[in-house]
PDB file of N, CA and C in Angstrom:
ATOM      1  N   MET A   1     -14.676  42.169   7.200  1.00  0.00           N
ATOM      2  CA  MET A   1     -13.150  41.391   7.191  1.00  0.00           C
ATOM      3  C   MET A   1     -13.570  40.154   7.759  1.00  0.00           C
ATOM      4  N   ASP A   2     -13.288  39.052   7.186  1.00  0.00           N
ATOM      5  CA  ASP A   2     -13.228  37.788   7.897  1.00  0.00           C
ATOM      6  C   ASP A   2     -12.262  37.211   8.715  1.00  0.00           C
ATOM      7  N   ILE A   3     -12.552  35.812   8.847  1.00  0.00           N
ATOM      8  CA  ILE A   3     -11.587  35.474   9.974  1.00  0.00           C
ATOM      9  C   ILE A   3     -10.239  34.871   9.699  1.00  0.00           C
ATOM     10  N   PHE A   4     -10.030  34.676   8.401  1.00  0.00           N
ATOM     11  CA  PHE A   4      -8.866  34.157   7.522  1.00  0.00           C
ATOM     12  C   PHE A   4      -7.781  35.552   7.654  1.00  0.00           C
ATOM     13  N   SER A   5      -8.611  36.744   7.509  1.00  0.00           N
ATOM     14  CA  SER A   5      -7.806  38.022   7.082  1.00  0.00           C
ATOM     15  C   SER A   5      -7.293  38.314   8.791  1.00  0.00           C
ATOM     16  N   LYS A   6      -8.348  38.261   9.893  1.00  0.00           N
ATOM     17  CA  LYS A   6      -7.885  38.794  11.183  1.00  0.00           C
ATOM     18  C   LYS A   6      -6.736  37.572  11.531  1.00  0.00           C
ATOM     19  N   LEU A   7      -7.202  36.742  11.459  1.00  0.00           N
ATOM     20  CA  LEU A   7      -5.852  35.474  11.937  1.00  0.00           C
ATOM     21  C   LEU A   7      -4.572  35.838  11.311  1.00  0.00           C
ATOM     22  N   PHE A   8      -4.512  36.036   9.805  1.00  0.00           N
ATOM     23  CA  PHE A   8      -3.047  35.533   9.204  1.00  0.00           C
ATOM     24  C   PHE A   8      -2.858  37.077   8.579  1.00  0.00           C
ATOM     25  N   GLY A   9      -3.735  37.406   8.378  1.00  0.00           N
ATOM     26  CA  GLY A   9      -3.257  39.315   8.440  1.00  0.00           C
ATOM     27  C   GLY A   9      -3.209  39.060   6.306  1.00  0.00           C
ATOM     28  N   LYS A  10      -3.215  40.341   5.965  1.00  0.00           N
ATOM     29  CA  LYS A  10      -3.411  40.449   4.472  1.00  0.00           C
ATOM     30  C   LYS A  10      -1.733  41.140   3.822  1.00  0.00           C
ATOM     31  N   THR A  11      -0.712  39.846   3.979  1.00  0.00           N
ATOM     32  CA  THR A  11       0.533  40.556   4.018  1.00  0.00           C
ATOM     33  C   THR A  11       0.936  39.802   2.667  1.00  0.00           C
ATOM     34  N   ASN A  12       1.918  40.456   1.489  1.00  0.00           N
ATOM     35  CA  ASN A  12       2.183  39.633   0.159  1.00  0.00           C
ATOM     36  C   ASN A  12       3.371  39.237   0.364  1.00  0.00           C
ATOM     37  N   ASN A  13       4.195  39.331   1.954  1.00  0.00           N
ATOM     38  CA  ASN A  13       5.332  38.338   2.259  1.00  0.00           C
ATOM     39  C   ASN A  13       4.908  36.756   2.479  1.00  0.00           C
ATOM     40  N   ASP A  14       6.135  36.138   1.566  1.00  0.00           N
ATOM     41  CA  ASP A  14       5.978  34.656   1.473  1.00  0.00           C
ATOM     42  C   ASP A  14       6.265  34.055   2.570  1.00  0.00           C
ATOM     43  N   SER A  15       7.126  34.718   3.644  1.00  0.00           N
ATOM     44  CA  SER A  15       7.526  34.061   4.997  1.00  0.00           C
ATOM     45  C   SER A  15       6.717  34.626   6.336  1.00  0.00           C
ATOM     46  N   ALA A  16       5.358  34.679   6.073  1.00  0.00           N
ATOM     47  CA  ALA A  16       4.780  35.258   7.093  1.00  0.00           C
ATOM     48  C   ALA A  16       4.440  34.378   8.081  1.00  0.00           C
ATOM     49  N   LEU A  17       3.879  32.913   7.526  1.00  0.00           N
ATOM     50  CA  LEU A  17       3.855  31.938   8.096  1.00  0.00           C
ATOM     51  C   LEU A  17       5.278  31.345   9.119  1.00  0.00           C
ATOM     52  N   LEU A  18       5.884  31.702   8.283  1.00  0.00           N
ATOM     53  CA  LEU A  18       7.607  31.305   9.226  1.00  0.00           C
ATOM     54  C   LEU A  18       7.711  32.249  10.417  1.00  0.00           C
ATOM     55  N   ILE A  19       7.355  33.482  10.008  1.00  0.00           N
ATOM     56  CA  ILE A  19       7.765  34.502  10.835  1.00  0.00           C
ATOM     57  C   ILE A  19       6.673  34.468  12.202  1.00  0.00           C
ATOM     58  N   ARG A  20       5.496  33.564  11.906  1.00  0.00           N
ATOM     59  CA  ARG A  20       4.308  33.822  12.912  1.00  0.00           C
ATOM     60  C   ARG A  20       4.417  32.545  14.085  1.00  0.00           C
ATOM     61  N   THR A  21       5.506  31.358  13.375  1.00  0.00           N
ATOM     62  CA  THR A  21       5.851  30.307  13.744  1.00  0.00           C
ATOM     63  C   THR A  21       7.101  30.669  14.960  1.00  0.00           C
ATOM     64  N   LYS A  22       8.156  31.512  14.550  1.00  0.00           N
ATOM     65  CA  LYS A  22       9.002  31.672  15.024  1.00  0.00           C
ATOM     66  C   LYS A  22       8.476  32.573  16.240  1.00  0.00           C
ATOM     67  N   ALA A  23       7.717  33.426  15.934  1.00  0.00           N
ATOM     68  CA  ALA A  23       7.192  34.438  17.257  1.00  0.00           C
ATOM     69  C   ALA A  23       6.296  33.481  18.137  1.00  0.00           C
ATOM     70  N   LEU A  24       5.953  32.580  17.848  1.00  0.00           N
ATOM     71  CA  LEU A  24       4.884  31.219  18.471  1.00  0.00           C
ATOM     72  C   LEU A  24       5.993  30.686  19.552  1.00  0.00           C
ATOM     73  N   LEU A  25       7.197  29.908  18.961  1.00  0.00           N
ATOM     74  CA  LEU A  25       8.236  29.356  19.682  1.00  0.00           C
ATOM     75  C   LEU A  25       8.679  30.470  20.749  1.00  0.00           C
ATOM     76  N   HIS A  26       9.315  31.380  19.980  1.00  0.00           N
ATOM     77  CA  HIS A  26       9.694  32.557  21.024  1.00  0.00           C
ATOM     78  C   HIS A  26       9.050  32.949  22.387  1.00  0.00           C
ATOM     79  N   LEU A  27       7.707  32.719  22.209  1.00  0.00           N
ATOM     80  CA  LEU A  27       6.818  33.177  23.109  1.00  0.00           C
ATOM     81  C   LEU A  27       6.774  31.849  23.948  1.00  0.00           C
ATOM     82  N   VAL A  28       6.808  30.717  23.828  1.00  0.00           N
ATOM     83  CA  VAL A  28       6.422  29.518  24.487  1.00  0.00           C
ATOM     84  C   VAL A  28       7.693  29.302  25.217  1.00  0.00           C
ATOM     85  N   PHE A  29       8.990  29.437  24.846  1.00  0.00           N
ATOM     86  CA  PHE A  29       9.895  29.092  25.302  1.00  0.00           C
ATOM     87  C   PHE A  29      10.663  30.244  25.899  1.00  0.00           C
ATOM     88  N   SER A  30       9.998  31.123  26.503  1.00  0.00           N
ATOM     89  CA  SER A  30      10.344  32.198  27.369  1.00  0.00           C
ATOM     90  C   SER A  30      10.395  32.312  28.497  1.00  0.00           C
ATOM     91  N   ASP A  31       8.794  31.074  28.828  1.00  0.00           N
ATOM     92  CA  ASP A  31       8.946  31.341  30.337  1.00  0.00           C
ATOM     93  C   ASP A  31       8.791  29.628  30.185  1.00  0.00           C
ATOM     94  N   VAL A  32       9.498  28.728  31.370  1.00  0.00           N
ATOM     95  CA  VAL A  32      10.051  27.814  31.198  1.00  0.00           C
ATOM     96  C   VAL A  32       8.435  26.779  31.826  1.00  0.00           C
ATOM     97  N   TYR A  33       7.801  27.458  32.619  1.00  0.00           N
ATOM     98  CA  TYR A  33       6.649  26.532  32.502  1.00  0.00           C
ATOM     99  C   TYR A  33       5.763  26.146  31.510  1.00  0.00           C
ATOM    100  N   MET A  34       5.656  27.372  30.514  1.00  0.00           N
ATOM    101  CA  MET A  34       5.007  27.644  29.419  1.00  0.00           C
ATOM    102  C   MET A  34       5.378  26.385  28.445  1.00  0.00           C
ATOM    103  N   ALA A  35       6.805  26.236  28.603  1.00  0.00           N
ATOM    104  CA  ALA A  35       7.571  25.372  27.756  1.00  0.00           C
ATOM    105  C   ALA A  35       7.246  23.904  27.750  1.00  0.00           C
ATOM    106  N   VAL A  36       7.520  23.623  29.452  1.00  0.00           N
ATOM    107  CA  VAL A  36       7.186  22.153  29.715  1.00  0.00           C
ATOM    108  C   VAL A  36       5.776  21.710  29.786  1.00  0.00           C
ATOM    109  N   ILE A  37       4.760  22.502  29.314  1.00  0.00           N
ATOM    110  CA  ILE A  37       3.363  22.456  29.315  1.00  0.00           C
ATOM    111  C   ILE A  37       3.399  21.948  27.622  1.00  0.00           C
ATOM    112  N   TYR A  38       3.731  23.079  26.927  1.00  0.00           N
ATOM    113  CA  TYR A  38       3.922  22.789  25.500  1.00  0.00           C
ATOM    114  C   TYR A  38       4.215  21.583  25.012  1.00  0.00           C
ATOM    115  N   LEU A  39       6.013  21.088  25.612  1.00  0.00           N
ATOM    116  CA  LEU A  39       6.604  19.645  25.139  1.00  0.00           C
ATOM    117  C   LEU A  39       5.506  18.663  25.676  1.00  0.00           C
ATOM    118  N   TYR A  40       4.503  18.682  26.709  1.00  0.00           N
ATOM    119  CA  TYR A  40       3.850  17.467  27.115  1.00  0.00           C
ATOM    120  C   TYR A  40       3.086  17.436  25.800  1.00  0.00           C
ATOM    121  N   PHE A  41       2.173  18.737  26.148  1.00  0.00           N
ATOM    122  CA  PHE A  41       1.220  18.571  25.171  1.00  0.00           C
ATOM    123  C   PHE A  41       1.528  18.118  23.726  1.00  0.00           C
ATOM    124  N   THR A  42       2.676  18.732  23.314  1.00  0.00           N
ATOM    125  CA  THR A  42       3.095  18.253  22.008  1.00  0.00           C
ATOM    126  C   THR A  42       3.461  16.396  22.116  1.00  0.00           C
ATOM    127  N   ALA A  43       3.942  15.935  23.377  1.00  0.00           N
ATOM    128  CA  ALA A  43       4.190  14.610  23.178  1.00  0.00           C
ATOM    129  C   ALA A  43       2.941  13.905  23.372  1.00  0.00           C
ATOM    130  N   PHE A  44       2.250  14.568  23.805  1.00  0.00           N
ATOM    131  CA  PHE A  44       0.837  13.780  23.973  1.00  0.00           C
ATOM    132  C   PHE A  44       0.152  13.514  22.587  1.00  0.00           C
ATOM    133  N   LEU A  45      -0.070  14.347  21.760  1.00  0.00           N
ATOM    134  CA  LEU A  45      -0.543  14.435  20.683  1.00  0.00           C
ATOM    135  C   LEU A  45       0.360  13.539  19.764  1.00  0.00           C
ATOM    136  N   PHE A  46       1.340  13.814  19.738  1.00  0.00           N
ATOM    137  CA  PHE A  46       2.411  13.058  18.920  1.00  0.00           C
ATOM    138  C   PHE A  46       2.182  11.106  19.268  1.00  0.00           C
ATOM    139  N   ALA A  47       1.821  11.059  20.684  1.00  0.00           N
ATOM    140  CA  ALA A  47       1.852   9.735  21.318  1.00  0.00           C
ATOM    141  C   ALA A  47       0.415   9.330  20.876  1.00  0.00           C
ATOM    142  N   MET A  48      -0.720  10.215  20.540  1.00  0.00           N
ATOM    143  CA  MET A  48      -2.208   9.918  20.263  1.00  0.00           C
ATOM    144  C   MET A  48      -2.191   9.684  18.398  1.00  0.00           C
ATOM    145  N   MET A  49      -1.534  10.339  17.831  1.00  0.00           N
ATOM    146  CA  MET A  49      -0.700   9.735  16.523  1.00  0.00           C
ATOM    147  C   MET A  49      -0.644   8.704  16.149  1.00  0.00           C
ATOM    148  N   PHE A  50       0.258   8.094  16.972  1.00  0.00           N
ATOM    149  CA  PHE A  50       0.780   6.838  16.593  1.00  0.00           C
ATOM    150  C   PHE A  50       0.149   5.824  17.521  1.00  0.00           C
ATOM    151  N   LEU A  51      -0.290   5.901  18.280  1.00  0.00           N
ATOM    152  CA  LEU A  51      -1.177   4.685  19.110  1.00  0.00           C
ATOM    153  C   LEU A  51      -1.664   3.691  18.566  1.00  0.00           C
ATOM    154  N   VAL A  52      -2.095   3.952  17.244  1.00  0.00           N
ATOM    155  CA  VAL A  52      -2.415   2.824  16.448  1.00  0.00           C
ATOM    156  C   VAL A  52      -1.252   2.125  16.205  1.00  0.00           C
ATOM    157  N   VAL A  53      -0.293   2.772  15.397  1.00  0.00           N
ATOM    158  CA  VAL A  53       1.017   2.048  14.935  1.00  0.00           C
ATOM    159  C   VAL A  53       1.310   1.264  16.312  1.00  0.00           C
ATOM    160  N   PHE A  54       1.564   1.809  17.109  1.00  0.00           N
ATOM    161  CA  PHE A  54       2.079   1.117  18.573  1.00  0.00           C
ATOM    162  C   PHE A  54       0.984  -0.366  18.708  1.00  0.00           C
ATOM    163  N   LEU A  55      -0.165  -0.227  18.885  1.00  0.00           N
ATOM    164  CA  LEU A  55      -1.001  -1.066  19.548  1.00  0.00           C
ATOM    165  C   LEU A  55      -0.807  -2.153  18.378  1.00  0.00           C
ATOM    166  N   LYS A  56      -0.857  -2.177  16.946  1.00  0.00           N
ATOM    167  CA  LYS A  56      -0.609  -2.822  15.842  1.00  0.00           C
ATOM    168  C   LYS A  56       0.363  -3.828  15.824  1.00  0.00           C
ATOM    169  N   GLY A  57       1.448  -3.070  16.617  1.00  0.00           N
ATOM    170  CA  GLY A  57       2.463  -4.155  16.652  1.00  0.00           C
ATOM    171  C   GLY A  57       2.667  -4.797  17.952  1.00  0.00           C
ATOM    172  N   ALA A  58       1.956  -4.575  18.875  1.00  0.00           N
ATOM    173  CA  ALA A  58       2.234  -5.531  20.162  1.00  0.00           C
ATOM    174  C   ALA A  58       0.642  -6.307  20.237  1.00  0.00           C
ATOM    175  N   ARG A  59      -0.213  -6.379  19.294  1.00  0.00           N
ATOM    176  CA  ARG A  59      -1.217  -7.438  19.268  1.00  0.00           C
ATOM    177  C   ARG A  59      -0.919  -8.336  18.345  1.00  0.00           C
ATOM    178  N   PRO A  60      -1.403  -9.545  18.904  1.00  0.00           N
ATOM    179  CA  PRO A  60      -1.297 -11.010  17.917  1.00  0.00           C
ATOM    180  C   PRO A  60      -1.888 -10.618  16.533  1.00  0.00           C
ATOM    181  N   LYS A  61      -1.710 -11.410  15.480  1.00  0.00           N
ATOM    182  CA  LYS A  61      -2.418 -11.502  14.145  1.00  0.00           C
ATOM    183  C   LYS A  61      -3.822 -11.744  14.542  1.00  0.00           C
ATOM    184  N   THR A  62      -4.904 -11.250  13.498  1.00  0.00           N
ATOM    185  CA  THR A  62      -6.093 -11.469  13.535  1.00  0.00           C
ATOM    186  C   THR A  62      -6.513 -12.385  12.641  1.00  0.00           C
ATOM    187  N   ASN A  63      -7.539 -13.096  12.705  1.00  0.00           N
ATOM    188  CA  ASN A  63      -7.984 -13.633  11.419  1.00  0.00           C
ATOM    189  C   ASN A  63      -8.185 -13.027  10.277  1.00  0.00           C
ATOM    190  N   TYR A  64      -8.618 -11.847   9.910  1.00  0.00           N
ATOM    191  CA  TYR A  64      -8.675 -10.914   8.913  1.00  0.00           C
ATOM    192  C   TYR A  64      -7.141 -11.370   8.457  1.00  0.00           C
ATOM    193  N   GLU A  65      -6.061 -10.717   9.113  1.00  0.00           N
ATOM    194  CA  GLU A  65      -4.721 -10.741   8.712  1.00  0.00           C
ATOM    195  C   GLU A  65      -4.058 -11.954   8.221  1.00  0.00           C
ATOM    196  N   ARG A  66      -4.472 -13.010   8.902  1.00  0.00           N
ATOM    197  CA  ARG A  66      -4.187 -14.625   8.710  1.00  0.00           C
ATOM    198  C   ARG A  66      -5.009 -14.709   7.317  1.00  0.00           C
ATOM    199  N   ARG A  67      -6.206 -14.543   7.000  1.00  0.00           N
ATOM    200  CA  ARG A  67      -6.994 -14.648   5.887  1.00  0.00           C
ATOM    201  C   ARG A  67      -6.017 -14.372   4.374  1.00  0.00           C
ATOM    202  N   VAL A  68      -5.845 -13.069   4.414  1.00  0.00           N
ATOM    203  CA  VAL A  68      -5.281 -12.083   3.825  1.00  0.00           C
ATOM    204  C   VAL A  68      -3.971 -12.927   3.451  1.00  0.00           C
ATOM    205  N   GLU A  69      -2.984 -13.273   4.358  1.00  0.00           N
ATOM    206  CA  GLU A  69      -1.532 -14.040   4.058  1.00  0.00           C
ATOM    207  C   GLU A  69      -1.915 -15.059   3.403  1.00  0.00           C
ATOM    208  N   LEU A  70      -2.962 -15.902   3.733  1.00  0.00           N
ATOM    209  CA  LEU A  70      -3.201 -17.353   3.137  1.00  0.00           C
ATOM    210  C   LEU A  70      -3.776 -16.837   1.542  1.00  0.00           C
ATOM    211  N   ILE A  71      -4.337 -16.171   1.279  1.00  0.00           N
ATOM    212  CA  ILE A  71      -4.886 -15.381   0.040  1.00  0.00           C
ATOM    213  C   ILE A  71      -3.827 -15.124  -0.718  1.00  0.00           C
ATOM    214  N   GLU A  72      -3.038 -14.215  -0.498  1.00  0.00           N
ATOM    215  CA  GLU A  72      -1.575 -13.882  -1.152  1.00  0.00           C
ATOM    216  C   GLU A  72      -0.571 -15.344  -1.225  1.00  0.00           C
ATOM    217  N   GLY A  73      -0.682 -16.019  -0.034  1.00  0.00           N
ATOM    218  CA  GLY A  73       0.212 -17.304  -0.715  1.00  0.00           C
ATOM    219  C   GLY A  73      -0.453 -18.230  -1.647  1.00  0.00           C
ATOM    220  N   ILE A  74      -1.445 -18.281  -1.770  1.00  0.00           N
ATOM    221  CA  ILE A  74      -2.238 -18.822  -3.087  1.00  0.00           C
ATOM    222  C   ILE A  74      -1.707 -18.315  -4.232  1.00  0.00           C
ATOM    223  N   GLY A  75      -2.091 -16.815  -4.036  1.00  0.00           N
ATOM    224  CA  GLY A  75      -1.533 -15.713  -5.617  1.00  0.00           C
ATOM    225  C   GLY A  75      -0.578 -16.194  -5.856  1.00  0.00           C
ATOM    226  N   ARG A  76       0.542 -16.205  -4.941  1.00  0.00           N
ATOM    227  CA  ARG A  76       1.891 -16.138  -5.061  1.00  0.00           C
ATOM    228  C   ARG A  76       2.241 -17.760  -5.548  1.00  0.00           C
ATOM    229  N   LYS A  77       1.371 -18.770  -5.127  1.00  0.00           N
ATOM    230  CA  LYS A  77       1.410 -19.984  -5.726  1.00  0.00           C
ATOM    231  C   LYS A  77       1.363 -19.898  -7.253  1.00  0.00           C
ATOM    232  N   ARG A  78       0.563 -19.316  -7.426  1.00  0.00           N
ATOM    233  CA  ARG A  78      -0.155 -19.545  -8.838  1.00  0.00           C
ATOM    234  C   ARG A  78       0.447 -18.845  -9.784  1.00  0.00           C
ATOM    235  N   MET A  79       1.031 -17.428  -9.497  1.00  0.00           N
ATOM    236  CA  MET A  79       1.949 -17.162  -9.952  1.00  0.00           C
ATOM    237  C   MET A  79       3.180 -17.569 -10.634  1.00  0.00           C
ATOM    238  N   ASP A  80       3.617 -18.640  -9.228  1.00  0.00           N
ATOM    239  CA  ASP A  80       4.859 -19.025  -9.664  1.00  0.00           C
ATOM    240  C   ASP A  80       4.784 -20.486 -10.251  1.00  0.00           C
ATOM    241  N   LYS A  81       3.632 -21.068 -10.663  1.00  0.00           N
ATOM    242  CA  LYS A  81       3.464 -21.836 -11.779  1.00  0.00           C
ATOM    243  C   LYS A  81       3.346 -21.286 -12.857  1.00  0.00           C
ATOM    244  N   ALA A  82       2.501 -20.342 -13.234  1.00  0.00           N
ATOM    245  CA  ALA A  82       2.488 -19.389 -14.479  1.00  0.00           C
ATOM    246  C   ALA A  82       4.022 -19.227 -15.259  1.00  0.00           C
ATOM    247  N   LYS A  83       4.678 -18.580 -14.023  1.00  0.00           N
ATOM    248  CA  LYS A  83       6.181 -17.886 -14.452  1.00  0.00           C
ATOM    249  C   LYS A  83       7.188 -19.396 -14.864  1.00  0.00           C
ATOM    250  N   GLN A  84       6.628 -20.637 -14.230  1.00  0.00           N
ATOM    251  CA  GLN A  84       7.305 -22.095 -14.635  1.00  0.00           C
ATOM    252  C   GLN A  84       6.943 -22.672 -15.952  1.00  0.00           C
ATOM    253  N   ASN A  85       5.934 -22.227 -16.468  1.00  0.00           N
ATOM    254  CA  ASN A  85       4.908 -22.230 -17.558  1.00  0.00           C
ATOM    255  C   ASN A  85       4.779 -24.266 -17.407  1.00  0.00           C
ATOM    256  N   ASP A  86       4.657 -24.438 -16.083  1.00  0.00           N
ATOM    257  CA  ASP A  86       4.580 -25.714 -15.825  1.00  0.00           C
ATOM    258  C   ASP A  86       3.247 -26.294 -17.271  1.00  0.00           C
ATOM    259  N   ASN A  87       3.963 -27.430 -18.142  1.00  0.00           N
ATOM    260  CA  ASN A  87       3.303 -27.885 -19.247  1.00  0.00           C
ATOM    261  C   ASN A  87       2.179 -28.628 -18.752  1.00  0.00           C
ATOM    262  N   ALA A  88       2.170 -29.629 -17.517  1.00  0.00           N
ATOM    263  CA  ALA A  88       1.521 -30.623 -16.967  1.00  0.00           C
ATOM    264  C   ALA A  88       0.020 -29.564 -16.767  1.00  0.00           C
ATOM    265  N   HIS A  89       0.287 -28.505 -16.527  1.00  0.00           N
ATOM    266  CA  HIS A  89      -0.676 -27.799 -16.370  1.00  0.00           C
ATOM    267  C   HIS A  89      -1.456 -27.081 -17.630  1.00  0.00           C
ATOM    268  N   PHE A  90      -0.298 -26.492 -18.496  1.00  0.00           N
ATOM    269  CA  PHE A  90      -0.934 -25.639 -19.551  1.00  0.00           C
ATOM    270  C   PHE A  90      -1.132 -26.216 -20.875  1.00  0.00           C
ATOM    271  N   GLU A  91      -0.453 -27.404 -21.032  1.00  0.00           N
ATOM    272  CA  GLU A  91      -0.657 -28.349 -22.355  1.00  0.00           C
ATOM    273  C   GLU A  91      -1.074 -29.159 -22.143  1.00  0.00           C
ATOM    274  N   PRO A  92      -2.491 -29.328 -22.572  1.00  0.00           N
ATOM    275  CA  PRO A  92      -3.370 -30.762 -21.989  1.00  0.00           C
ATOM    276  C   PRO A  92      -3.207 -31.975 -22.652  1.00  0.00           C
ATOM    277  N   GLY A  93      -2.213 -32.070 -23.823  1.00  0.00           N
ATOM    278  CA  GLY A  93      -1.924 -32.949 -24.727  1.00  0.00           C
ATOM    279  C   GLY A  93      -0.669 -33.419 -24.162  1.00  0.00           C
ATOM    280  N   ARG A  94      -0.101 -33.006 -23.521  1.00  0.00           N
ATOM    281  CA  ARG A  94       1.031 -33.559 -23.086  1.00  0.00           C
ATOM    282  C   ARG A  94       0.848 -34.748 -21.828  1.00  0.00           C
ATOM    283  N   VAL A  95      -0.521 -34.463 -20.985  1.00  0.00           N
ATOM    284  CA  VAL A  95      -0.853 -35.307 -19.859  1.00  0.00           C
ATOM    285  C   VAL A  95      -1.760 -36.587 -20.496  1.00  0.00           C
ATOM    286  N   TYR A  96      -2.708 -35.833 -21.184  1.00  0.00           N
ATOM    287  CA  TYR A  96      -3.658 -36.809 -21.790  1.00  0.00           C
ATOM    288  C   TYR A  96      -3.504 -36.988 -23.270  1.00  0.00           C
ATOM    289  N   SER A  97      -3.277 -38.248 -23.530  1.00  0.00           N
ATOM    290  CA  SER A  97      -2.844 -38.687 -25.150  1.00  0.00           C
ATOM    291  C   SER A  97      -4.049 -38.333 -26.127  1.00  0.00           C
ATOM    292  N   GLU A  98      -5.337 -38.232 -25.350  1.00  0.00           N
ATOM    293  CA  GLU A  98      -6.690 -38.217 -26.490  1.00  0.00           C
ATOM    294  C   GLU A  98      -6.388 -36.616 -26.944  1.00  0.00           C
ATOM    295  N   TYR A  99      -5.988 -36.060 -26.333  1.00  0.00           N
ATOM    296  CA  TYR A  99      -5.915 -34.821 -26.674  1.00  0.00           C
ATOM    297  C   TYR A  99      -4.936 -34.171 -27.934  1.00  0.00           C
ATOM    298  N   GLU A 100      -3.941 -34.986 -27.895  1.00  0.00           N
ATOM    299  CA  GLU A 100      -3.062 -35.248 -28.357  1.00  0.00           C
ATOM    300  C   GLU A 100      -3.064 -35.544 -29.789  1.00  0.00           C
ATOM    301  N   ASN A 101      -3.697 -36.675 -29.519  1.00  0.00           N
ATOM    302  CA  ASN A 101      -4.050 -37.828 -30.945  1.00  0.00           C
ATOM    303  C   ASN A 101      -5.618 -36.754 -31.507  1.00  0.00           C
ATOM    304  N   ALA A 102      -5.940 -36.182 -30.929  1.00  0.00           N
ATOM    305  CA  ALA A 102      -7.595 -35.427 -31.479  1.00  0.00           C
ATOM    306  C   ALA A 102      -6.629 -34.218 -32.135  1.00  0.00           C
ATOM    307  N   SER A 103      -6.010 -33.809 -31.634  1.00  0.00           N
ATOM    308  CA  SER A 103      -5.245 -32.627 -32.269  1.00  0.00           C
ATOM    309  C   SER A 103      -4.625 -32.812 -33.798  1.00  0.00           C
ATOM    310  N   LYS A 104      -3.788 -33.851 -33.625  1.00  0.00           N
ATOM    311  CA  LYS A 104      -2.676 -34.682 -34.564  1.00  0.00           C
ATOM    312  C   LYS A 104      -4.023 -35.093 -36.116  1.00  0.00           C
ATOM    313  N   GLN A 105      -5.215 -35.790 -35.583  1.00  0.00           N
ATOM    314  CA  GLN A 105      -6.206 -35.951 -36.758  1.00  0.00           C
ATOM    315  C   GLN A 105      -6.530 -35.032 -37.536  1.00  0.00           C
ATOM    316  N   ILE A 106      -7.180 -33.626 -36.378  1.00  0.00           N
ATOM    317  CA  ILE A 106      -7.390 -33.037 -36.817  1.00  0.00           C
ATOM    318  C   ILE A 106      -6.332 -31.944 -38.185  1.00  0.00           C
ATOM    319  N   LEU A 107      -4.988 -31.916 -37.893  1.00  0.00           N
ATOM    320  CA  LEU A 107      -4.091 -31.209 -38.715  1.00  0.00           C
ATOM    321  C   LEU A 107      -3.860 -32.313 -39.860  1.00  0.00           C
ATOM    322  N   LYS A 108      -4.052 -33.753 -39.679  1.00  0.00           N
ATOM    323  CA  LYS A 108      -3.951 -34.545 -41.000  1.00  0.00           C
ATOM    324  C   LYS A 108      -4.706 -34.243 -42.008  1.00  0.00           C
ATOM    325  N   LYS A 109      -6.219 -33.869 -40.993  1.00  0.00           N
ATOM    326  CA  LYS A 109      -7.381 -33.595 -42.279  1.00  0.00           C
ATOM    327  C   LYS A 109      -7.307 -32.275 -42.955  1.00  0.00           C
ATOM    328  N   THR A 110      -6.828 -31.360 -42.259  1.00  0.00           N
ATOM    329  CA  THR A 110      -6.504 -29.978 -42.766  1.00  0.00           C
ATOM    330  C   THR A 110      -5.686 -29.932 -44.006  1.00  0.00           C
ATOM    331  N   TYR A 111      -5.777 -29.813 -45.137  1.00  0.00           N
ATOM    332  CA  TYR A 111      -4.873 -29.672 -46.433  1.00  0.00           C
ATOM    333  C   TYR A 111      -4.718 -28.204 -46.810  1.00  0.00           C
ATOM    334  N   PHE A 112      -4.635 -27.163 -46.121  1.00  0.00           N
ATOM    335  CA  PHE A 112      -4.373 -25.995 -46.069  1.00  0.00           C
ATOM    336  C   PHE A 112      -3.514 -25.265 -44.824  1.00  0.00           C
ATOM    337  N   THR A 113      -2.893 -24.740 -45.034  1.00  0.00           N
ATOM    338  CA  THR A 113      -2.649 -24.197 -43.812  1.00  0.00           C
ATOM    339  C   THR A 113      -3.039 -22.623 -43.425  1.00  0.00           C
ATOM    340  N   THR A 114      -3.217 -22.289 -41.748  1.00  0.00           N
ATOM    341  CA  THR A 114      -3.859 -21.148 -41.590  1.00  0.00           C
ATOM    342  C   THR A 114      -2.531 -20.686 -40.341  1.00  0.00           C
ATOM    343  N   ILE A 115      -2.603 -19.801 -39.703  1.00  0.00           N
ATOM    344  CA  ILE A 115      -2.180 -18.848 -38.926  1.00  0.00           C
ATOM    345  C   ILE A 115      -1.885 -19.834 -37.741  1.00  0.00           C
ATOM    346  N   PHE A 116      -2.952 -20.670 -37.691  1.00  0.00           N
ATOM    347  CA  PHE A 116      -3.110 -21.512 -36.156  1.00  0.00           C
ATOM    348  C   PHE A 116      -2.228 -22.714 -35.895  1.00  0.00           C
ATOM    349  N   ASN A 117      -1.768 -23.391 -37.266  1.00  0.00           N
ATOM    350  CA  ASN A 117      -1.186 -24.774 -37.171  1.00  0.00           C
ATOM    351  C   ASN A 117      -0.080 -24.502 -38.420  1.00  0.00           C
TER     352      ASN A 117
END
């Protein structure tokens, strides 16, 4: 017989865990001292679990967090530029006239149309 069978028994009842939990709580709260110790221990474990969250909120930002925020801000600005479709950044022919002239000359030399013009 393995340890799992000894601890949980071999029952086909789906509510066996619920019955065992009710029995535990009935045993704990049957004695006042045991209930106080149980509640203190539970509160201690709860505090230990959320200690990182509490400390994170109380401490100032680290250099790493400021760097991550800076990277996110740069990425946000780049996405805003792409969303605005700023022609000065995405179409060089409007800013540099030599690009526009070169594209016009290429189109004049081309006597047939393609899908690209």
